[in-house]
Amino acid sequence: MQLKQKLNLRARRKARVRKHIHGSAVKLRLSVCFSSKHIYAQCIDDDAQRTLLFLSTLSKECAGQKLSANMSGAAIVGAIFGKKAVDAGIRTVIFDRGGHRYHGCIKAFADAAREAGLEF
């Protein structure tokens, strides 16, 4: 499969998933993005159009550790993000996987965030 076609299919999957997901002040949207080197996660209130919580492998909370965008890095970032969210008073979120399939790094991040106290 060519790269352009592959990206087009992922964009269609992402739009299909986002059609049903909407974050509000009661339930924020937890958006996860994996690049080839880093992991980015944020809690978003779509009604107010603001990001309330953000964490990446480049953040100071993760700077001391050598994390990459693999399953072990996703589990560590998920645990740190879950703890940071619970400390900020965020308990329930809606998980936005961004068009990726729910396995591998996405699943590792979600499981670690759930173990840290987030509910979704």
C-alpha atoms as a PDB file:
ATOM      1  CA  MET A   1       0.000   0.000   0.000  1.00  0.00           C
ATOM      2  CA  GLN A   2       1.355   3.388  -0.897  1.00  0.00           C
ATOM      3  CA  LEU A   3       2.061   5.948   1.800  1.00  0.00           C
ATOM      4  CA  LYS A   4      -0.455   8.494   0.509  1.00  0.00           C
ATOM      5  CA  GLN A   5      -3.248   5.931   0.482  1.00  0.00           C
ATOM      6  CA  LYS A   6      -2.273   4.719   3.949  1.00  0.00           C
ATOM      7  CA  LEU A   7      -2.378   8.264   5.373  1.00  0.00           C
ATOM      8  CA  ASN A   8      -5.708   8.869   3.667  1.00  0.00           C
ATOM      9  CA  LEU A   9      -7.203   5.759   5.282  1.00  0.00           C
ATOM     10  CA  ARG A  10      -5.879   6.825   8.707  1.00  0.00           C
ATOM     11  CA  ALA A  11      -7.384  10.311   8.253  1.00  0.00           C
ATOM     12  CA  ARG A  12     -10.751   8.740   7.423  1.00  0.00           C
ATOM     13  CA  ARG A  13     -10.519   6.498  10.521  1.00  0.00           C
ATOM     14  CA  LYS A  14      -9.629   9.514  12.658  1.00  0.00           C
ATOM     15  CA  ALA A  15     -12.621  11.486  11.365  1.00  0.00           C
ATOM     16  CA  ARG A  16     -14.912   8.520  11.983  1.00  0.00           C
ATOM     17  CA  VAL A  17     -13.705   8.201  15.578  1.00  0.00           C
ATOM     18  CA  ARG A  18     -13.821  11.958  16.290  1.00  0.00           C
ATOM     19  CA  LYS A  19     -17.410  12.136  15.002  1.00  0.00           C
ATOM     20  CA  HIS A  20     -18.542  10.314  18.159  1.00  0.00           C
ATOM     21  CA  ILE A  21     -16.096  11.808  20.677  1.00  0.00           C
ATOM     22  CA  HIS A  22     -16.632  15.245  22.201  1.00  0.00           C
ATOM     23  CA  GLY A  23     -14.987  16.483  25.388  1.00  0.00           C
ATOM     24  CA  SER A  24     -16.883  18.711  27.798  1.00  0.00           C
ATOM     25  CA  ALA A  25     -16.189  20.220  31.207  1.00  0.00           C
ATOM     26  CA  VAL A  26     -17.647  17.095  32.846  1.00  0.00           C
ATOM     27  CA  LYS A  27     -15.752  14.567  30.700  1.00  0.00           C
ATOM     28  CA  LEU A  28     -12.595  15.817  29.040  1.00  0.00           C
ATOM     29  CA  ARG A  29     -11.187  14.310  25.861  1.00  0.00           C
ATOM     30  CA  LEU A  30      -7.848  12.537  26.350  1.00  0.00           C
ATOM     31  CA  SER A  31      -6.047  12.826  23.024  1.00  0.00           C
ATOM     32  CA  VAL A  32      -2.906  10.760  22.400  1.00  0.00           C
ATOM     33  CA  CYS A  33      -0.437  11.285  19.574  1.00  0.00           C
ATOM     34  CA  PHE A  34       2.580   9.127  18.802  1.00  0.00           C
ATOM     35  CA  SER A  35       5.294  10.397  16.489  1.00  0.00           C
ATOM     36  CA  SER A  36       8.281   8.319  15.511  1.00  0.00           C
ATOM     37  CA  LYS A  37      10.289   9.596  18.508  1.00  0.00           C
ATOM     38  CA  HIS A  38       7.909  11.121  21.066  1.00  0.00           C
ATOM     39  CA  ILE A  39       4.538  10.681  22.781  1.00  0.00           C
ATOM     40  CA  TYR A  40       2.118  13.555  23.340  1.00  0.00           C
ATOM     41  CA  ALA A  41      -1.027  13.424  25.490  1.00  0.00           C
ATOM     42  CA  GLN A  42      -3.477  16.136  26.443  1.00  0.00           C
ATOM     43  CA  CYS A  43      -6.852  16.605  28.130  1.00  0.00           C
ATOM     44  CA  ILE A  44      -9.063  18.907  26.091  1.00  0.00           C
ATOM     45  CA  ASP A  45     -12.361  20.658  26.862  1.00  0.00           C
ATOM     46  CA  ASP A  46     -13.934  20.970  23.403  1.00  0.00           C
ATOM     47  CA  ASP A  47     -16.738  23.261  24.581  1.00  0.00           C
ATOM     48  CA  ALA A  48     -14.336  25.910  25.919  1.00  0.00           C
ATOM     49  CA  GLN A  49     -11.698  25.011  23.295  1.00  0.00           C
ATOM     50  CA  ARG A  50      -8.869  24.752  25.829  1.00  0.00           C
ATOM     51  CA  THR A  51      -6.239  22.267  26.785  1.00  0.00           C
ATOM     52  CA  LEU A  52      -6.295  21.715  30.533  1.00  0.00           C
ATOM     53  CA  LEU A  53      -3.450  19.230  30.895  1.00  0.00           C
ATOM     54  CA  PHE A  54      -0.516  18.360  28.651  1.00  0.00           C
ATOM     55  CA  LEU A  55       2.346  15.891  28.890  1.00  0.00           C
ATOM     56  CA  SER A  56       4.924  14.648  26.421  1.00  0.00           C
ATOM     57  CA  THR A  57       8.215  12.827  26.491  1.00  0.00           C
ATOM     58  CA  LEU A  58       9.805  16.266  26.099  1.00  0.00           C
ATOM     59  CA  SER A  59       8.165  17.644  29.277  1.00  0.00           C
ATOM     60  CA  LYS A  60      10.165  18.209  32.437  1.00  0.00           C
ATOM     61  CA  GLU A  61       8.331  15.359  34.227  1.00  0.00           C
ATOM     62  CA  CYS A  62       9.742  12.890  31.704  1.00  0.00           C
ATOM     63  CA  ALA A  63      13.017  14.650  30.898  1.00  0.00           C
ATOM     64  CA  GLY A  64      15.205  12.608  33.251  1.00  0.00           C
ATOM     65  CA  GLN A  65      14.181   9.317  31.685  1.00  0.00           C
ATOM     66  CA  LYS A  66      15.150   8.229  28.196  1.00  0.00           C
ATOM     67  CA  LEU A  67      11.706   7.546  26.767  1.00  0.00           C
ATOM     68  CA  SER A  68      10.827   6.781  23.193  1.00  0.00           C
ATOM     69  CA  ALA A  69       7.589   6.063  21.373  1.00  0.00           C
ATOM     70  CA  ASN A  70       7.469   2.330  22.117  1.00  0.00           C
ATOM     71  CA  MET A  71       5.343   0.208  24.450  1.00  0.00           C
ATOM     72  CA  SER A  72       7.521   0.651  27.529  1.00  0.00           C
ATOM     73  CA  GLY A  73       7.699   4.417  26.990  1.00  0.00           C
ATOM     74  CA  ALA A  74       3.942   4.564  26.454  1.00  0.00           C
ATOM     75  CA  ALA A  75       3.319   2.724  29.735  1.00  0.00           C
ATOM     76  CA  ILE A  76       5.569   5.101  31.680  1.00  0.00           C
ATOM     77  CA  VAL A  77       4.077   8.228  30.096  1.00  0.00           C
ATOM     78  CA  GLY A  78       0.552   6.853  30.672  1.00  0.00           C
ATOM     79  CA  ALA A  79       1.261   6.302  34.360  1.00  0.00           C
ATOM     80  CA  ILE A  80       2.759   9.777  34.784  1.00  0.00           C
ATOM     81  CA  PHE A  81      -0.131  11.354  32.877  1.00  0.00           C
ATOM     82  CA  GLY A  82      -2.724   9.485  34.921  1.00  0.00           C
ATOM     83  CA  LYS A  83      -1.119  10.558  38.189  1.00  0.00           C
ATOM     84  CA  LYS A  84      -0.837  14.167  37.004  1.00  0.00           C
ATOM     85  CA  ALA A  85      -4.508  14.173  35.917  1.00  0.00           C
ATOM     86  CA  VAL A  86      -5.746  12.753  39.222  1.00  0.00           C
ATOM     87  CA  ASP A  87      -3.681  15.364  41.087  1.00  0.00           C
ATOM     88  CA  ALA A  88      -5.324  18.072  38.943  1.00  0.00           C
ATOM     89  CA  GLY A  89      -8.792  16.751  39.837  1.00  0.00           C
ATOM     90  CA  ILE A  90      -9.550  15.037  36.540  1.00  0.00           C
ATOM     91  CA  ARG A  91     -11.127  11.606  37.115  1.00  0.00           C
ATOM     92  CA  THR A  92     -13.167  10.695  34.022  1.00  0.00           C
ATOM     93  CA  VAL A  93     -12.123  11.217  30.411  1.00  0.00           C
ATOM     94  CA  ILE A  94     -13.099  10.101  26.937  1.00  0.00           C
ATOM     95  CA  PHE A  95     -10.191   8.377  25.183  1.00  0.00           C
ATOM     96  CA  ASP A  96      -9.353   9.683  21.693  1.00  0.00           C
ATOM     97  CA  ARG A  97      -6.977   7.236  20.023  1.00  0.00           C
ATOM     98  CA  GLY A  98      -6.569   9.465  16.980  1.00  0.00           C
ATOM     99  CA  GLY A  99      -7.395   6.922  14.280  1.00  0.00           C
ATOM    100  CA  HIS A 100      -4.893   4.338  15.508  1.00  0.00           C
ATOM    101  CA  ARG A 101      -5.998   0.819  16.324  1.00  0.00           C
ATOM    102  CA  TYR A 102      -6.407   0.024  20.025  1.00  0.00           C
ATOM    103  CA  HIS A 103      -3.377  -2.213  20.486  1.00  0.00           C
ATOM    104  CA  GLY A 104       0.329  -1.910  21.157  1.00  0.00           C
ATOM    105  CA  CYS A 105       1.437   1.521  22.339  1.00  0.00           C
ATOM    106  CA  ILE A 106      -2.091   2.944  22.471  1.00  0.00           C
ATOM    107  CA  LYS A 107      -3.282   0.073  24.671  1.00  0.00           C
ATOM    108  CA  ALA A 108      -0.185   0.283  26.909  1.00  0.00           C
ATOM    109  CA  PHE A 109      -0.764   4.017  27.446  1.00  0.00           C
ATOM    110  CA  ALA A 110      -4.464   3.519  28.209  1.00  0.00           C
ATOM    111  CA  ASP A 111      -3.879   0.642  30.640  1.00  0.00           C
ATOM    112  CA  ALA A 112      -1.216   2.588  32.547  1.00  0.00           C
ATOM    113  CA  ALA A 113      -3.469   5.655  32.771  1.00  0.00           C
ATOM    114  CA  ARG A 114      -6.321   3.493  34.069  1.00  0.00           C
ATOM    115  CA  GLU A 115      -4.068   1.956  36.727  1.00  0.00           C
ATOM    116  CA  ALA A 116      -3.061   5.472  37.841  1.00  0.00           C
ATOM    117  CA  GLY A 117      -6.710   6.321  38.533  1.00  0.00           C
ATOM    118  CA  LEU A 118      -8.285   7.663  35.346  1.00  0.00           C
ATOM    119  CA  GLU A 119     -11.658   6.261  34.311  1.00  0.00           C
ATOM    120  CA  PHE A 120     -12.621   5.877  30.631  1.00  0.00           C
END
